């Protein structure tokens, strides 16, 4: 019954976020190889910035998965069994997407070419305007007032 109500919103999820991560990585490679430009920064600065962003991104993703496992809720688009508001979910409502965006940004920083920054921007836009609104509607329906209170307290990204 929850599925039919959610489907009535008219949003259809065709590809899941990990597929968009893969597409973003392919897009990065195409931009890097096909349209070489001057680097924004050079070694070791690009490596330091890249490793920092990738590590931060992996931390957000890891903490989010840990919180999901701790709460025994789903990591897919099925019905959520719990509203996770602890840990990194106190800072952002979407730590997985934030983490993946930071990882893609870190890869682009490591490559140093300005055009490769279009890849994390693409991923951010898809998550922000396609997936997150779908998930917010879904969570509002499934978790009700508890989710609405959480949404009012915690920002979408940071």
Protein backbone atom coordinates (compact mmCIF):
# COMPACT_ATOMS: atom_id res chain seq x y z
CA UNK A 1 0.00 0.00 0.00
CA UNK A 2 2.87 2.42 0.72
CA UNK A 3 4.35 1.64 -2.66
CA UNK A 4 1.17 2.60 -4.51
CA UNK A 5 1.00 5.97 -2.70
CA UNK A 6 4.66 6.66 -3.44
CA UNK A 7 4.21 5.66 -7.07
CA UNK A 8 1.36 8.14 -7.34
CA UNK A 9 3.85 10.99 -6.89
CA UNK A 10 4.90 10.33 -10.47
CA UNK A 11 8.60 9.79 -9.75
CA UNK A 12 10.18 6.75 -11.31
CA UNK A 13 13.61 5.62 -10.23
CA UNK A 14 15.30 4.13 -13.29
CA UNK A 15 18.90 3.88 -12.16
CA UNK A 16 20.07 3.69 -8.57
CA UNK A 17 22.78 6.04 -7.17
CA UNK A 18 25.72 3.59 -7.52
CA UNK A 19 25.04 3.50 -11.26
CA UNK A 20 25.30 7.30 -11.34
CA UNK A 21 28.61 7.07 -9.48
CA UNK A 22 29.85 4.73 -12.23
CA UNK A 23 28.54 7.07 -14.94
CA UNK A 24 30.24 9.99 -13.19
CA UNK A 25 33.55 8.12 -13.14
CA UNK A 26 33.23 7.35 -16.86
CA UNK A 27 32.34 11.00 -17.48
CA UNK A 28 35.44 12.05 -15.50
CA UNK A 29 37.67 9.77 -17.57
CA UNK A 30 36.21 11.07 -20.83
CA UNK A 31 36.72 14.68 -19.76
CA UNK A 32 40.25 14.00 -18.51
CA UNK A 33 41.43 12.12 -21.60
CA UNK A 34 39.29 13.76 -24.27
CA UNK A 35 39.62 17.38 -23.22
CA UNK A 36 42.98 17.90 -21.54
CA UNK A 37 43.45 21.31 -19.96
CA UNK A 38 46.00 22.93 -17.70
CA UNK A 39 45.99 21.67 -14.13
CA UNK A 40 44.45 23.74 -11.35
CA UNK A 41 47.23 22.64 -8.99
CA UNK A 42 50.16 20.30 -9.07
CA UNK A 43 51.76 17.58 -6.99
CA UNK A 44 51.78 17.36 -3.99
CA UNK A 45 48.91 19.83 -3.43
CA UNK A 46 46.54 17.90 -5.70
CA UNK A 47 47.36 14.65 -3.89
CA UNK A 48 46.81 16.16 -0.43
CA UNK A 49 43.47 17.73 -1.39
CA UNK A 50 42.40 14.58 -3.22
CA UNK A 51 43.22 12.23 -0.35
CA UNK A 52 41.53 14.51 2.17
CA UNK A 53 38.28 14.69 0.15
CA UNK A 54 38.24 10.97 -0.64
CA UNK A 55 38.92 10.05 3.00
CA UNK A 56 36.22 12.43 4.21
CA UNK A 57 33.79 11.00 1.65
CA UNK A 58 34.57 7.41 2.60
CA UNK A 59 34.08 8.34 6.25
CA UNK A 60 30.58 9.69 5.59
CA UNK A 61 29.60 6.64 3.53
CA UNK A 62 31.04 4.25 6.11
CA UNK A 63 29.40 5.96 9.06
CA UNK A 64 26.05 6.02 7.23
CA UNK A 65 26.21 2.29 6.47
CA UNK A 66 27.18 1.61 10.10
CA UNK A 67 24.18 3.64 11.32
CA UNK A 68 21.86 1.78 8.94
CA UNK A 69 23.19 -1.57 10.15
CA UNK A 70 22.91 -0.49 13.79
CA UNK A 71 19.26 0.51 13.26
CA UNK A 72 18.57 -2.60 11.10
CA UNK A 73 17.01 -0.55 8.33
CA UNK A 74 17.23 -0.95 4.59
CA UNK A 75 20.01 0.38 2.35
CA UNK A 76 17.81 0.08 -0.73
CA UNK A 77 14.65 1.72 -2.01
CA UNK A 78 12.40 -0.62 -0.02
CA UNK A 79 10.22 0.52 2.84
CA UNK A 80 12.32 1.96 5.67
CA UNK A 81 12.00 0.13 8.96
CA UNK A 82 13.51 2.95 11.03
CA UNK A 83 14.32 6.64 10.91
CA UNK A 84 18.06 7.05 11.43
CA UNK A 85 18.93 10.34 13.14
CA UNK A 86 22.11 9.44 15.06
CA UNK A 87 25.78 9.79 14.18
CA UNK A 88 26.46 11.51 10.87
CA UNK A 89 22.70 11.83 10.32
CA UNK A 90 22.77 14.62 12.93
CA UNK A 91 24.90 16.68 10.51
CA UNK A 92 23.23 15.87 7.20
CA UNK A 93 20.12 14.01 6.06
CA UNK A 94 22.09 12.48 3.17
CA UNK A 95 25.54 11.39 4.34
CA UNK A 96 25.83 8.67 1.70
CA UNK A 97 25.22 11.06 -1.17
CA UNK A 98 27.42 13.69 0.46
CA UNK A 99 30.19 11.10 0.85
CA UNK A 100 29.92 9.93 -2.75
CA UNK A 101 29.98 13.53 -3.98
CA UNK A 102 33.12 14.20 -1.90
CA UNK A 103 34.78 11.08 -3.30
CA UNK A 104 34.06 12.21 -6.87
CA UNK A 105 35.28 15.70 -6.00
CA UNK A 106 38.46 14.17 -4.56
CA UNK A 107 39.09 12.22 -7.75
CA UNK A 108 38.65 15.39 -9.80
CA UNK A 109 40.96 17.28 -7.45
CA UNK A 110 43.58 14.57 -7.86
CA UNK A 111 43.38 14.85 -11.62
CA UNK A 112 43.60 18.63 -11.33
CA UNK A 113 41.76 19.46 -14.54
CA UNK A 114 38.92 21.98 -14.20
CA UNK A 115 36.59 20.17 -16.62
CA UNK A 116 36.58 17.04 -14.47
CA UNK A 117 34.74 19.05 -11.81
CA UNK A 118 31.66 18.69 -14.01
CA UNK A 119 31.44 15.05 -12.94
CA UNK A 120 30.79 15.62 -9.20
CA UNK A 121 28.52 18.52 -10.18
CA UNK A 122 26.50 16.13 -12.39
CA UNK A 123 26.22 13.61 -9.55
CA UNK A 124 25.23 16.31 -7.05
CA UNK A 125 22.50 17.62 -9.38
CA UNK A 126 21.04 14.17 -10.03
CA UNK A 127 20.98 13.36 -6.31
CA UNK A 128 19.66 16.77 -5.27
CA UNK A 129 16.86 17.07 -7.81
CA UNK A 130 15.98 13.46 -8.57
CA UNK A 131 16.76 11.05 -5.74
CA UNK A 132 16.54 13.15 -2.60
CA UNK A 133 13.07 14.58 -3.36
CA UNK A 134 11.83 11.03 -4.03
CA UNK A 135 13.32 9.79 -0.76
CA UNK A 136 11.97 12.78 1.18
CA UNK A 137 8.44 12.10 -0.07
CA UNK A 138 8.86 8.41 0.71
CA UNK A 139 10.17 9.08 4.22
CA UNK A 140 7.41 11.64 4.90
CA UNK A 141 4.84 9.03 4.00
CA UNK A 142 6.51 6.14 5.85
CA UNK A 143 7.75 7.93 8.99
CA UNK A 144 5.24 10.77 9.21
CA UNK A 145 5.68 13.53 11.78
CA UNK A 146 8.97 12.08 13.09
CA UNK A 147 10.60 12.57 9.68
CA UNK A 148 9.11 16.03 9.22
CA UNK A 149 10.55 17.10 12.59
CA UNK A 150 13.93 15.61 11.62
CA UNK A 151 13.81 17.36 8.23
CA UNK A 152 13.17 20.68 9.95
CA UNK A 153 16.15 20.16 12.31
CA UNK A 154 18.80 18.81 9.92
CA UNK A 155 19.92 20.24 6.60
CA UNK A 156 19.77 18.27 3.34
CA UNK A 157 23.51 18.46 2.69
CA UNK A 158 25.47 20.32 5.38
